[in-house]
């Protein structure tokens, strides 16, 4: 899911037959997307299960990274330095996290992270 969201044009597993690789290359080269039947099944299941996922499982990779760092007690400035981002950008990620997760404060983000074992 994350690879496709990040812009992948196709996805095969290591167990895919060599013929699938050739088919995938041709399809992607013609401007289309390609998923093996096994990956398509997993994608369909993931979409149907998405409403049952925890809030932290529905956020972007970068938002998750910021959530974990907030949960471990890092300040926005420290997070910005570690991720080579501006403080304003990290603040925007924090605001998105609060909105997406239905929380009201950084303290609630920290509590959520601790309760769900996200603090490293």
PDB file of N, CA and C in Angstrom:
ATOM      1  N   UNK A   1       0.832  -1.190   0.000  1.00  0.00           N
ATOM      2  CA  UNK A   1       0.000   0.000   0.000  1.00  0.00           C
ATOM      3  C   UNK A   1       0.874   1.250   0.000  1.00  0.00           C
ATOM      4  N   UNK A   2       1.866   1.280   0.877  1.00  0.00           N
ATOM      5  CA  UNK A   2       2.708   2.473   0.968  1.00  0.00           C
ATOM      6  C   UNK A   2       3.499   2.681  -0.319  1.00  0.00           C
ATOM      7  N   UNK A   3       3.949   1.608  -0.953  1.00  0.00           N
ATOM      8  CA  UNK A   3       4.690   1.747  -2.205  1.00  0.00           C
ATOM      9  C   UNK A   3       3.797   2.353  -3.289  1.00  0.00           C
ATOM     10  N   UNK A   4       2.577   1.900  -3.366  1.00  0.00           N
ATOM     11  CA  UNK A   4       1.652   2.434  -4.372  1.00  0.00           C
ATOM     12  C   UNK A   4       1.297   3.886  -4.083  1.00  0.00           C
ATOM     13  N   UNK A   5       1.080   4.202  -2.818  1.00  0.00           N
ATOM     14  CA  UNK A   5       0.795   5.586  -2.450  1.00  0.00           C
ATOM     15  C   UNK A   5       1.974   6.496  -2.752  1.00  0.00           C
ATOM     16  N   UNK A   6       3.180   5.925  -2.667  1.00  0.00           N
ATOM     17  CA  UNK A   6       4.395   6.706  -2.925  1.00  0.00           C
ATOM     18  C   UNK A   6       4.661   6.879  -4.415  1.00  0.00           C
ATOM     19  N   UNK A   7       3.848   6.237  -5.272  1.00  0.00           N
ATOM     20  CA  UNK A   7       3.981   6.459  -6.710  1.00  0.00           C
ATOM     21  C   UNK A   7       4.465   5.277  -7.520  1.00  0.00           C
ATOM     22  N   UNK A   8       4.539   4.086  -6.931  1.00  0.00           N
ATOM     23  CA  UNK A   8       4.960   2.909  -7.691  1.00  0.00           C
ATOM     24  C   UNK A   8       3.964   2.640  -8.821  1.00  0.00           C
ATOM     25  N   UNK A   9       4.468   2.251  -9.975  1.00  0.00           N
ATOM     26  CA  UNK A   9       3.613   1.946 -11.124  1.00  0.00           C
ATOM     27  C   UNK A   9       3.185   0.486 -11.136  1.00  0.00           C
ATOM     28  N   UNK A  10       3.862  -0.327 -10.380  1.00  0.00           N
ATOM     29  CA  UNK A  10       3.514  -1.731 -10.331  1.00  0.00           C
ATOM     30  C   UNK A  10       4.122  -2.368  -9.103  1.00  0.00           C
ATOM     31  N   UNK A  11       3.664  -3.571  -8.819  1.00  0.00           N
ATOM     32  CA  UNK A  11       4.193  -4.264  -7.647  1.00  0.00           C
ATOM     33  C   UNK A  11       4.063  -5.766  -7.861  1.00  0.00           C
ATOM     34  N   UNK A  12       5.158  -6.460  -7.652  1.00  0.00           N
ATOM     35  CA  UNK A  12       5.210  -7.917  -7.702  1.00  0.00           C
ATOM     36  C   UNK A  12       5.860  -8.418  -6.422  1.00  0.00           C
ATOM     37  N   UNK A  13       5.519  -9.613  -6.026  1.00  0.00           N
ATOM     38  CA  UNK A  13       6.199 -10.223  -4.895  1.00  0.00           C
ATOM     39  C   UNK A  13       7.367 -11.059  -5.419  1.00  0.00           C
ATOM     40  N   UNK A  14       8.255 -11.442  -4.531  1.00  0.00           N
ATOM     41  CA  UNK A  14       9.394 -12.270  -4.933  1.00  0.00           C
ATOM     42  C   UNK A  14       8.934 -13.626  -5.469  1.00  0.00           C
ATOM     43  N   UNK A  15       7.772 -14.062  -5.036  1.00  0.00           N
ATOM     44  CA  UNK A  15       7.264 -15.362  -5.451  1.00  0.00           C
ATOM     45  C   UNK A  15       6.599 -15.328  -6.827  1.00  0.00           C
ATOM     46  N   UNK A  16       6.486 -14.157  -7.443  1.00  0.00           N
ATOM     47  CA  UNK A  16       5.831 -14.038  -8.744  1.00  0.00           C
ATOM     48  C   UNK A  16       6.604 -14.817  -9.804  1.00  0.00           C
ATOM     49  N   UNK A  17       5.850 -15.393 -10.734  1.00  0.00           N
ATOM     50  CA  UNK A  17       6.462 -16.154 -11.824  1.00  0.00           C
ATOM     51  C   UNK A  17       7.197 -15.209 -12.772  1.00  0.00           C
ATOM     52  N   UNK A  18       8.258 -15.687 -13.425  1.00  0.00           N
ATOM     53  CA  UNK A  18       8.997 -14.843 -14.372  1.00  0.00           C
ATOM     54  C   UNK A  18       8.112 -14.254 -15.471  1.00  0.00           C
ATOM     55  N   UNK A  19       7.098 -15.004 -15.899  1.00  0.00           N
ATOM     56  CA  UNK A  19       6.187 -14.511 -16.932  1.00  0.00           C
ATOM     57  C   UNK A  19       5.439 -13.268 -16.447  1.00  0.00           C
ATOM     58  N   UNK A  20       5.127 -13.231 -15.146  1.00  0.00           N
ATOM     59  CA  UNK A  20       4.448 -12.061 -14.588  1.00  0.00           C
ATOM     60  C   UNK A  20       5.340 -10.841 -14.657  1.00  0.00           C
ATOM     61  N   UNK A  21       6.631 -11.027 -14.471  1.00  0.00           N
ATOM     62  CA  UNK A  21       7.571  -9.915 -14.548  1.00  0.00           C
ATOM     63  C   UNK A  21       7.561  -9.313 -15.945  1.00  0.00           C
ATOM     64  N   UNK A  22       7.584 -10.164 -16.953  1.00  0.00           N
ATOM     65  CA  UNK A  22       7.550  -9.683 -18.341  1.00  0.00           C
ATOM     66  C   UNK A  22       6.244  -8.943 -18.607  1.00  0.00           C
ATOM     67  N   UNK A  23       5.143  -9.511 -18.169  1.00  0.00           N
ATOM     68  CA  UNK A  23       3.835  -8.871 -18.347  1.00  0.00           C
ATOM     69  C   UNK A  23       3.797  -7.525 -17.632  1.00  0.00           C
ATOM     70  N   UNK A  24       4.319  -7.488 -16.422  1.00  0.00           N
ATOM     71  CA  UNK A  24       4.318  -6.246 -15.641  1.00  0.00           C
ATOM     72  C   UNK A  24       5.144  -5.172 -16.319  1.00  0.00           C
ATOM     73  N   UNK A  25       6.310  -5.532 -16.804  1.00  0.00           N
ATOM     74  CA  UNK A  25       7.177  -4.553 -17.476  1.00  0.00           C
ATOM     75  C   UNK A  25       6.480  -3.991 -18.707  1.00  0.00           C
ATOM     76  N   UNK A  26       5.876  -4.849 -19.495  1.00  0.00           N
ATOM     77  CA  UNK A  26       5.174  -4.378 -20.704  1.00  0.00           C
ATOM     78  C   UNK A  26       4.008  -3.460 -20.353  1.00  0.00           C
ATOM     79  N   UNK A  27       3.263  -3.833 -19.337  1.00  0.00           N
ATOM     80  CA  UNK A  27       2.107  -3.032 -18.952  1.00  0.00           C
ATOM     81  C   UNK A  27       2.536  -1.666 -18.416  1.00  0.00           C
ATOM     82  N   UNK A  28       3.532  -1.630 -17.563  1.00  0.00           N
ATOM     83  CA  UNK A  28       4.025  -0.368 -17.004  1.00  0.00           C
ATOM     84  C   UNK A  28       4.653   0.486 -18.107  1.00  0.00           C
ATOM     85  N   UNK A  29       5.383  -0.162 -19.029  1.00  0.00           N
ATOM     86  CA  UNK A  29       6.005   0.573 -20.136  1.00  0.00           C
ATOM     87  C   UNK A  29       4.962   1.214 -21.044  1.00  0.00           C
ATOM     88  N   UNK A  30       3.762   0.637 -21.093  1.00  0.00           N
ATOM     89  CA  UNK A  30       2.697   1.215 -21.924  1.00  0.00           C
ATOM     90  C   UNK A  30       1.902   2.286 -21.172  1.00  0.00           C
ATOM     91  N   UNK A  31       2.370   2.612 -19.950  1.00  0.00           N
ATOM     92  CA  UNK A  31       1.728   3.692 -19.192  1.00  0.00           C
ATOM     93  C   UNK A  31       0.641   3.247 -18.231  1.00  0.00           C
ATOM     94  N   UNK A  32       0.474   1.952 -18.067  1.00  0.00           N
ATOM     95  CA  UNK A  32      -0.552   1.431 -17.171  1.00  0.00           C
ATOM     96  C   UNK A  32       0.078   1.008 -15.845  1.00  0.00           C
ATOM     97  N   UNK A  33      -0.757   0.643 -14.924  1.00  0.00           N
ATOM     98  CA  UNK A  33      -0.321   0.118 -13.631  1.00  0.00           C
ATOM     99  C   UNK A  33      -0.396  -1.406 -13.678  1.00  0.00           C
ATOM    100  N   UNK A  34       0.399  -2.058 -12.825  1.00  0.00           N
ATOM    101  CA  UNK A  34       0.350  -3.511 -12.753  1.00  0.00           C
ATOM    102  C   UNK A  34       0.444  -3.992 -11.318  1.00  0.00           C
ATOM    103  N   UNK A  35      -0.445  -4.906 -10.970  1.00  0.00           N
ATOM    104  CA  UNK A  35      -0.418  -5.600  -9.683  1.00  0.00           C
ATOM    105  C   UNK A  35      -0.584  -7.080  -9.960  1.00  0.00           C
ATOM    106  N   UNK A  36       0.203  -7.901  -9.301  1.00  0.00           N
ATOM    107  CA  UNK A  36       0.010  -9.347  -9.444  1.00  0.00           C
ATOM    108  C   UNK A  36      -1.325  -9.704  -8.797  1.00  0.00           C
ATOM    109  N   UNK A  37      -1.918 -10.817  -9.187  1.00  0.00           N
ATOM    110  CA  UNK A  37      -3.192 -11.216  -8.570  1.00  0.00           C
ATOM    111  C   UNK A  37      -3.115 -11.301  -7.036  1.00  0.00           C
ATOM    112  N   UNK A  38      -2.001 -11.790  -6.521  1.00  0.00           N
ATOM    113  CA  UNK A  38      -1.855 -11.905  -5.066  1.00  0.00           C
ATOM    114  C   UNK A  38      -1.833 -10.525  -4.411  1.00  0.00           C
ATOM    115  N   UNK A  39      -1.113  -9.584  -5.019  1.00  0.00           N
ATOM    116  CA  UNK A  39      -1.044  -8.233  -4.473  1.00  0.00           C
ATOM    117  C   UNK A  39      -2.394  -7.538  -4.612  1.00  0.00           C
ATOM    118  N   UNK A  40      -3.076  -7.756  -5.719  1.00  0.00           N
ATOM    119  CA  UNK A  40      -4.405  -7.169  -5.914  1.00  0.00           C
ATOM    120  C   UNK A  40      -5.368  -7.653  -4.829  1.00  0.00           C
ATOM    121  N   UNK A  41      -5.277  -8.917  -4.475  1.00  0.00           N
ATOM    122  CA  UNK A  41      -6.123  -9.468  -3.413  1.00  0.00           C
ATOM    123  C   UNK A  41      -5.806  -8.809  -2.074  1.00  0.00           C
ATOM    124  N   UNK A  42      -4.512  -8.663  -1.785  1.00  0.00           N
ATOM    125  CA  UNK A  42      -4.111  -8.016  -0.536  1.00  0.00           C
ATOM    126  C   UNK A  42      -4.588  -6.572  -0.497  1.00  0.00           C
ATOM    127  N   UNK A  43      -4.511  -5.888  -1.622  1.00  0.00           N
ATOM    128  CA  UNK A  43      -4.954  -4.502  -1.711  1.00  0.00           C
ATOM    129  C   UNK A  43      -6.455  -4.405  -1.459  1.00  0.00           C
ATOM    130  N   UNK A  44      -7.215  -5.297  -2.062  1.00  0.00           N
ATOM    131  CA  UNK A  44      -8.665  -5.306  -1.858  1.00  0.00           C
ATOM    132  C   UNK A  44      -9.015  -5.545  -0.395  1.00  0.00           C
ATOM    133  N   UNK A  45      -8.308  -6.458   0.242  1.00  0.00           N
ATOM    134  CA  UNK A  45      -8.543  -6.735   1.655  1.00  0.00           C
ATOM    135  C   UNK A  45      -8.154  -5.541   2.521  1.00  0.00           C
ATOM    136  N   UNK A  46      -7.063  -4.903   2.182  1.00  0.00           N
ATOM    137  CA  UNK A  46      -6.604  -3.740   2.955  1.00  0.00           C
ATOM    138  C   UNK A  46      -7.599  -2.601   2.856  1.00  0.00           C
ATOM    139  N   UNK A  47      -8.155  -2.392   1.694  1.00  0.00           N
ATOM    140  CA  UNK A  47      -9.129  -1.316   1.518  1.00  0.00           C
ATOM    141  C   UNK A  47     -10.382  -1.596   2.336  1.00  0.00           C
ATOM    142  N   UNK A  48     -10.840  -2.842   2.330  1.00  0.00           N
ATOM    143  CA  UNK A  48     -12.050  -3.162   3.084  1.00  0.00           C
ATOM    144  C   UNK A  48     -11.812  -3.122   4.587  1.00  0.00           C
ATOM    145  N   UNK A  49     -10.558  -3.350   5.023  1.00  0.00           N
ATOM    146  CA  UNK A  49     -10.231  -3.329   6.440  1.00  0.00           C
ATOM    147  C   UNK A  49      -9.844  -1.946   6.932  1.00  0.00           C
ATOM    148  N   UNK A  50      -9.657  -0.987   6.019  1.00  0.00           N
ATOM    149  CA  UNK A  50      -9.111   0.323   6.391  1.00  0.00           C
ATOM    150  C   UNK A  50      -9.932   1.008   7.476  1.00  0.00           C
ATOM    151  N   UNK A  51     -11.251   0.834   7.457  1.00  0.00           N
ATOM    152  CA  UNK A  51     -12.081   1.495   8.462  1.00  0.00           C
ATOM    153  C   UNK A  51     -11.885   0.890   9.852  1.00  0.00           C
ATOM    154  N   UNK A  52     -11.337  -0.340   9.901  1.00  0.00           N
ATOM    155  CA  UNK A  52     -11.124  -1.003  11.181  1.00  0.00           C
ATOM    156  C   UNK A  52      -9.734  -0.711  11.764  1.00  0.00           C
ATOM    157  N   UNK A  53      -8.880  -0.051  11.014  1.00  0.00           N
ATOM    158  CA  UNK A  53      -7.514   0.204  11.460  1.00  0.00           C
ATOM    159  C   UNK A  53      -7.464   1.297  12.509  1.00  0.00           C
ATOM    160  N   UNK A  54      -6.437   1.233  13.322  1.00  0.00           N
ATOM    161  CA  UNK A  54      -6.183   2.274  14.309  1.00  0.00           C
ATOM    162  C   UNK A  54      -5.804   3.555  13.584  1.00  0.00           C
ATOM    163  N   UNK A  55      -6.035   4.695  14.213  1.00  0.00           N
ATOM    164  CA  UNK A  55      -5.696   5.958  13.554  1.00  0.00           C
ATOM    165  C   UNK A  55      -4.243   6.039  13.099  1.00  0.00           C
ATOM    166  N   UNK A  56      -3.305   5.499  13.881  1.00  0.00           N
ATOM    167  CA  UNK A  56      -1.893   5.596  13.493  1.00  0.00           C
ATOM    168  C   UNK A  56      -1.545   4.695  12.311  1.00  0.00           C
ATOM    169  N   UNK A  57      -2.420   3.791  11.928  1.00  0.00           N
ATOM    170  CA  UNK A  57      -2.189   2.931  10.775  1.00  0.00           C
ATOM    171  C   UNK A  57      -2.725   3.556   9.489  1.00  0.00           C
ATOM    172  N   UNK A  58      -3.402   4.695   9.605  1.00  0.00           N
ATOM    173  CA  UNK A  58      -3.980   5.351   8.433  1.00  0.00           C
ATOM    174  C   UNK A  58      -3.280   6.653   8.072  1.00  0.00           C
ATOM    175  N   UNK A  59      -2.158   6.938   8.710  1.00  0.00           N
ATOM    176  CA  UNK A  59      -1.444   8.179   8.434  1.00  0.00           C
ATOM    177  C   UNK A  59      -0.266   7.902   7.502  1.00  0.00           C
ATOM    178  N   UNK A  60       0.307   8.959   6.954  1.00  0.00           N
ATOM    179  CA  UNK A  60       1.438   8.792   6.036  1.00  0.00           C
ATOM    180  C   UNK A  60       2.684   8.350   6.795  1.00  0.00           C
ATOM    181  N   UNK A  61       3.678   7.895   6.045  1.00  0.00           N
ATOM    182  CA  UNK A  61       4.934   7.465   6.660  1.00  0.00           C
ATOM    183  C   UNK A  61       5.586   8.603   7.445  1.00  0.00           C
ATOM    184  N   UNK A  62       5.604   9.798   6.867  1.00  0.00           N
ATOM    185  CA  UNK A  62       6.246  10.939   7.536  1.00  0.00           C
ATOM    186  C   UNK A  62       5.454  11.335   8.782  1.00  0.00           C
ATOM    187  N   UNK A  63       4.131  11.329   8.700  1.00  0.00           N
ATOM    188  CA  UNK A  63       3.320  11.641   9.876  1.00  0.00           C
ATOM    189  C   UNK A  63       3.572  10.619  10.980  1.00  0.00           C
ATOM    190  N   UNK A  64       3.700   9.369  10.600  1.00  0.00           N
ATOM    191  CA  UNK A  64       3.986   8.319  11.572  1.00  0.00           C
ATOM    192  C   UNK A  64       5.343   8.569  12.230  1.00  0.00           C
ATOM    193  N   UNK A  65       6.315   8.924  11.423  1.00  0.00           N
ATOM    194  CA  UNK A  65       7.655   9.198  11.939  1.00  0.00           C
ATOM    195  C   UNK A  65       7.607  10.345  12.957  1.00  0.00           C
ATOM    196  N   UNK A  66       6.870  11.397  12.638  1.00  0.00           N
ATOM    197  CA  UNK A  66       6.744  12.541  13.542  1.00  0.00           C
ATOM    198  C   UNK A  66       5.997  12.122  14.811  1.00  0.00           C
ATOM    199  N   UNK A  67       4.948  11.320  14.666  1.00  0.00           N
ATOM    200  CA  UNK A  67       4.198  10.841  15.831  1.00  0.00           C
ATOM    201  C   UNK A  67       5.099  10.062  16.781  1.00  0.00           C
ATOM    202  N   UNK A  68       5.911   9.170  16.240  1.00  0.00           N
ATOM    203  CA  UNK A  68       6.824   8.383  17.079  1.00  0.00           C
ATOM    204  C   UNK A  68       7.807   9.303  17.799  1.00  0.00           C
ATOM    205  N   UNK A  69       8.330  10.284  17.084  1.00  0.00           N
ATOM    206  CA  UNK A  69       9.309  11.185  17.694  1.00  0.00           C
ATOM    207  C   UNK A  69       8.668  12.071  18.764  1.00  0.00           C
ATOM    208  N   UNK A  70       7.435  12.511  18.527  1.00  0.00           N
ATOM    209  CA  UNK A  70       6.710  13.287  19.543  1.00  0.00           C
ATOM    210  C   UNK A  70       6.466  12.395  20.766  1.00  0.00           C
ATOM    211  N   UNK A  71       6.092  11.146  20.510  1.00  0.00           N
ATOM    212  CA  UNK A  71       5.790  10.208  21.600  1.00  0.00           C
ATOM    213  C   UNK A  71       6.996   9.936  22.483  1.00  0.00           C
ATOM    214  N   UNK A  72       8.188  10.071  21.923  1.00  0.00           N
ATOM    215  CA  UNK A  72       9.400   9.829  22.708  1.00  0.00           C
ATOM    216  C   UNK A  72       9.892  11.090  23.399  1.00  0.00           C
ATOM    217  N   UNK A  73       9.125  12.178  23.282  1.00  0.00           N
ATOM    218  CA  UNK A  73       9.456  13.389  24.016  1.00  0.00           C
ATOM    219  C   UNK A  73      10.286  14.413  23.266  1.00  0.00           C
ATOM    220  N   UNK A  74      10.496  14.208  21.980  1.00  0.00           N
ATOM    221  CA  UNK A  74      11.236  15.188  21.190  1.00  0.00           C
ATOM    222  C   UNK A  74      10.407  16.447  20.986  1.00  0.00           C
ATOM    223  N   UNK A  75      11.056  17.598  21.029  1.00  0.00           N
ATOM    224  CA  UNK A  75      10.369  18.852  20.723  1.00  0.00           C
ATOM    225  C   UNK A  75      10.266  18.991  19.211  1.00  0.00           C
ATOM    226  N   UNK A  76       9.429  19.913  18.747  1.00  0.00           N
ATOM    227  CA  UNK A  76       9.300  20.137  17.314  1.00  0.00           C
ATOM    228  C   UNK A  76      10.636  20.568  16.716  1.00  0.00           C
ATOM    229  N   UNK A  77      11.394  21.348  17.444  1.00  0.00           N
ATOM    230  CA  UNK A  77      12.710  21.793  16.974  1.00  0.00           C
ATOM    231  C   UNK A  77      13.657  20.608  16.833  1.00  0.00           C
ATOM    232  N   UNK A  78      13.666  19.726  17.812  1.00  0.00           N
ATOM    233  CA  UNK A  78      14.527  18.541  17.745  1.00  0.00           C
ATOM    234  C   UNK A  78      14.134  17.648  16.575  1.00  0.00           C
ATOM    235  N   UNK A  79      12.834  17.482  16.375  1.00  0.00           N
ATOM    236  CA  UNK A  79      12.347  16.659  15.262  1.00  0.00           C
ATOM    237  C   UNK A  79      12.778  17.277  13.938  1.00  0.00           C
ATOM    238  N   UNK A  80      12.619  18.589  13.817  1.00  0.00           N
ATOM    239  CA  UNK A  80      13.010  19.288  12.595  1.00  0.00           C
ATOM    240  C   UNK A  80      14.492  19.077  12.299  1.00  0.00           C
ATOM    241  N   UNK A  81      15.321  19.169  13.315  1.00  0.00           N
ATOM    242  CA  UNK A  81      16.758  18.969  13.124  1.00  0.00           C
ATOM    243  C   UNK A  81      17.071  17.542  12.698  1.00  0.00           C
ATOM    244  N   UNK A  82      16.452  16.571  13.343  1.00  0.00           N
ATOM    245  CA  UNK A  82      16.724  15.160  13.038  1.00  0.00           C
ATOM    246  C   UNK A  82      16.245  14.766  11.644  1.00  0.00           C
ATOM    247  N   UNK A  83      15.154  15.378  11.190  1.00  0.00           N
ATOM    248  CA  UNK A  83      14.582  15.026   9.889  1.00  0.00           C
ATOM    249  C   UNK A  83      14.993  15.998   8.781  1.00  0.00           C
ATOM    250  N   UNK A  84      15.820  16.981   9.134  1.00  0.00           N
ATOM    251  CA  UNK A  84      16.242  18.008   8.184  1.00  0.00           C
ATOM    252  C   UNK A  84      15.047  18.724   7.557  1.00  0.00           C
ATOM    253  N   UNK A  85      14.132  19.124   8.407  1.00  0.00           N
ATOM    254  CA  UNK A  85      12.936  19.859   7.992  1.00  0.00           C
ATOM    255  C   UNK A  85      12.884  21.167   8.763  1.00  0.00           C
ATOM    256  N   UNK A  86      12.035  22.064   8.295  1.00  0.00           N
ATOM    257  CA  UNK A  86      11.809  23.288   9.034  1.00  0.00           C
ATOM    258  C   UNK A  86      10.852  23.034  10.192  1.00  0.00           C
ATOM    259  N   UNK A  87      10.950  23.847  11.209  1.00  0.00           N
ATOM    260  CA  UNK A  87      10.061  23.707  12.364  1.00  0.00           C
ATOM    261  C   UNK A  87       8.608  23.895  11.930  1.00  0.00           C
ATOM    262  N   UNK A  88       8.365  24.814  11.012  1.00  0.00           N
ATOM    263  CA  UNK A  88       7.003  25.050  10.525  1.00  0.00           C
ATOM    264  C   UNK A  88       6.444  23.812   9.830  1.00  0.00           C
ATOM    265  N   UNK A  89       7.294  23.097   9.109  1.00  0.00           N
ATOM    266  CA  UNK A  89       6.857  21.871   8.436  1.00  0.00           C
ATOM    267  C   UNK A  89       6.478  20.804   9.456  1.00  0.00           C
ATOM    268  N   UNK A  90       7.295  20.651  10.482  1.00  0.00           N
ATOM    269  CA  UNK A  90       7.003  19.677  11.539  1.00  0.00           C
ATOM    270  C   UNK A  90       5.718  20.076  12.257  1.00  0.00           C
ATOM    271  N   UNK A  91       5.540  21.359  12.462  1.00  0.00           N
ATOM    272  CA  UNK A  91       4.320  21.845  13.095  1.00  0.00           C
ATOM    273  C   UNK A  91       3.091  21.504  12.243  1.00  0.00           C
ATOM    274  N   UNK A  92       3.247  21.595  10.939  1.00  0.00           N
ATOM    275  CA  UNK A  92       2.151  21.231  10.031  1.00  0.00           C
ATOM    276  C   UNK A  92       1.835  19.744  10.156  1.00  0.00           C
ATOM    277  N   UNK A  93       2.875  18.899  10.221  1.00  0.00           N
ATOM    278  CA  UNK A  93       2.652  17.463  10.410  1.00  0.00           C
ATOM    279  C   UNK A  93       1.926  17.208  11.723  1.00  0.00           C
ATOM    280  N   UNK A  94       2.320  17.907  12.775  1.00  0.00           N
ATOM    281  CA  UNK A  94       1.670  17.765  14.077  1.00  0.00           C
ATOM    282  C   UNK A  94       0.190  18.133  13.971  1.00  0.00           C
ATOM    283  N   UNK A  95      -0.110  19.237  13.285  1.00  0.00           N
ATOM    284  CA  UNK A  95      -1.498  19.678  13.120  1.00  0.00           C
ATOM    285  C   UNK A  95      -2.304  18.638  12.335  1.00  0.00           C
ATOM    286  N   UNK A  96      -1.701  18.069  11.303  1.00  0.00           N
ATOM    287  CA  UNK A  96      -2.391  17.030  10.519  1.00  0.00           C
ATOM    288  C   UNK A  96      -2.661  15.799  11.371  1.00  0.00           C
ATOM    289  N   UNK A  97      -1.681  15.429  12.194  1.00  0.00           N
ATOM    290  CA  UNK A  97      -1.861  14.286  13.085  1.00  0.00           C
ATOM    291  C   UNK A  97      -3.037  14.513  14.031  1.00  0.00           C
ATOM    292  N   UNK A  98      -3.072  15.686  14.633  1.00  0.00           N
ATOM    293  CA  UNK A  98      -4.164  15.997  15.557  1.00  0.00           C
ATOM    294  C   UNK A  98      -5.513  15.885  14.847  1.00  0.00           C
ATOM    295  N   UNK A  99      -5.585  16.442  13.650  1.00  0.00           N
ATOM    296  CA  UNK A  99      -6.850  16.417  12.902  1.00  0.00           C
ATOM    297  C   UNK A  99      -7.238  14.999  12.500  1.00  0.00           C
ATOM    298  N   UNK A 100      -6.309  14.263  11.887  1.00  0.00           N
ATOM    299  CA  UNK A 100      -6.603  12.915  11.411  1.00  0.00           C
ATOM    300  C   UNK A 100      -6.936  11.948  12.535  1.00  0.00           C
ATOM    301  N   UNK A 101      -6.302  12.151  13.688  1.00  0.00           N
ATOM    302  CA  UNK A 101      -6.476  11.217  14.790  1.00  0.00           C
ATOM    303  C   UNK A 101      -7.553  11.659  15.776  1.00  0.00           C
ATOM    304  N   UNK A 102      -8.115  12.841  15.541  1.00  0.00           N
ATOM    305  CA  UNK A 102      -9.171  13.328  16.413  1.00  0.00           C
ATOM    306  C   UNK A 102      -8.692  13.691  17.807  1.00  0.00           C
ATOM    307  N   UNK A 103      -7.463  14.176  17.895  1.00  0.00           N
ATOM    308  CA  UNK A 103      -6.893  14.561  19.180  1.00  0.00           C
ATOM    309  C   UNK A 103      -6.808  16.078  19.269  1.00  0.00           C
ATOM    310  N   UNK A 104      -6.596  16.596  20.495  1.00  0.00           N
ATOM    311  CA  UNK A 104      -6.648  18.040  20.694  1.00  0.00           C
ATOM    312  C   UNK A 104      -5.324  18.682  21.071  1.00  0.00           C
ATOM    313  N   UNK A 105      -4.339  17.901  21.507  1.00  0.00           N
ATOM    314  CA  UNK A 105      -3.097  18.509  21.984  1.00  0.00           C
ATOM    315  C   UNK A 105      -1.915  17.567  21.795  1.00  0.00           C
ATOM    316  N   UNK A 106      -0.736  18.131  21.942  1.00  0.00           N
ATOM    317  CA  UNK A 106       0.484  17.333  21.884  1.00  0.00           C
ATOM    318  C   UNK A 106       0.499  16.308  23.005  1.00  0.00           C
ATOM    319  N   UNK A 107      -0.012  16.689  24.158  1.00  0.00           N
ATOM    320  CA  UNK A 107      -0.069  15.746  25.280  1.00  0.00           C
ATOM    321  C   UNK A 107      -0.896  14.513  24.911  1.00  0.00           C
ATOM    322  N   UNK A 108      -1.993  14.714  24.183  1.00  0.00           N
ATOM    323  CA  UNK A 108      -2.815  13.577  23.762  1.00  0.00           C
ATOM    324  C   UNK A 108      -2.067  12.725  22.728  1.00  0.00           C
ATOM    325  N   UNK A 109      -1.275  13.360  21.863  1.00  0.00           N
ATOM    326  CA  UNK A 109      -0.456  12.607  20.916  1.00  0.00           C
ATOM    327  C   UNK A 109       0.546  11.729  21.665  1.00  0.00           C
ATOM    328  N   UNK A 110       1.185  12.308  22.667  1.00  0.00           N
ATOM    329  CA  UNK A 110       2.163  11.564  23.457  1.00  0.00           C
ATOM    330  C   UNK A 110       1.491  10.395  24.163  1.00  0.00           C
ATOM    331  N   UNK A 111       0.355  10.656  24.789  1.00  0.00           N
ATOM    332  CA  UNK A 111      -0.372   9.585  25.484  1.00  0.00           C
ATOM    333  C   UNK A 111      -0.764   8.473  24.503  1.00  0.00           C
ATOM    334  N   UNK A 112      -1.266   8.860  23.327  1.00  0.00           N
ATOM    335  CA  UNK A 112      -1.653   7.877  22.311  1.00  0.00           C
ATOM    336  C   UNK A 112      -0.442   7.026  21.927  1.00  0.00           C
ATOM    337  N   UNK A 113       0.682   7.685  21.667  1.00  0.00           N
ATOM    338  CA  UNK A 113       1.891   6.967  21.287  1.00  0.00           C
ATOM    339  C   UNK A 113       2.343   5.985  22.343  1.00  0.00           C
ATOM    340  N   UNK A 114       2.283   6.397  23.592  1.00  0.00           N
ATOM    341  CA  UNK A 114       2.682   5.520  24.690  1.00  0.00           C
ATOM    342  C   UNK A 114       1.723   4.345  24.831  1.00  0.00           C
ATOM    343  N   UNK A 115       0.426   4.624  24.738  1.00  0.00           N
ATOM    344  CA  UNK A 115      -0.583   3.568  24.887  1.00  0.00           C
ATOM    345  C   UNK A 115      -0.501   2.528  23.785  1.00  0.00           C
ATOM    346  N   UNK A 116      -0.039   2.945  22.602  1.00  0.00           N
ATOM    347  CA  UNK A 116       0.018   2.034  21.459  1.00  0.00           C
ATOM    348  C   UNK A 116       1.434   1.533  21.182  1.00  0.00           C
ATOM    349  N   UNK A 117       2.348   1.757  22.120  1.00  0.00           N
ATOM    350  CA  UNK A 117       3.702   1.239  21.985  1.00  0.00           C
ATOM    351  C   UNK A 117       4.511   1.848  20.861  1.00  0.00           C
ATOM    352  N   UNK A 118       4.255   3.108  20.535  1.00  0.00           N
ATOM    353  CA  UNK A 118       4.955   3.761  19.432  1.00  0.00           C
ATOM    354  C   UNK A 118       6.245   4.451  19.877  1.00  0.00           C
ATOM    355  N   UNK A 119       6.400   4.667  21.157  1.00  0.00           N
ATOM    356  CA  UNK A 119       7.601   5.332  21.668  1.00  0.00           C
ATOM    357  C   UNK A 119       8.760   4.351  21.579  1.00  0.00           C
ATOM    358  N   UNK A 120       9.831   4.769  20.934  1.00  0.00           N
ATOM    359  CA  UNK A 120      10.999   3.893  20.749  1.00  0.00           C
ATOM    360  C   UNK A 120      11.886   3.912  21.970  1.00  0.00           C
TER     361      UNK A 120
END
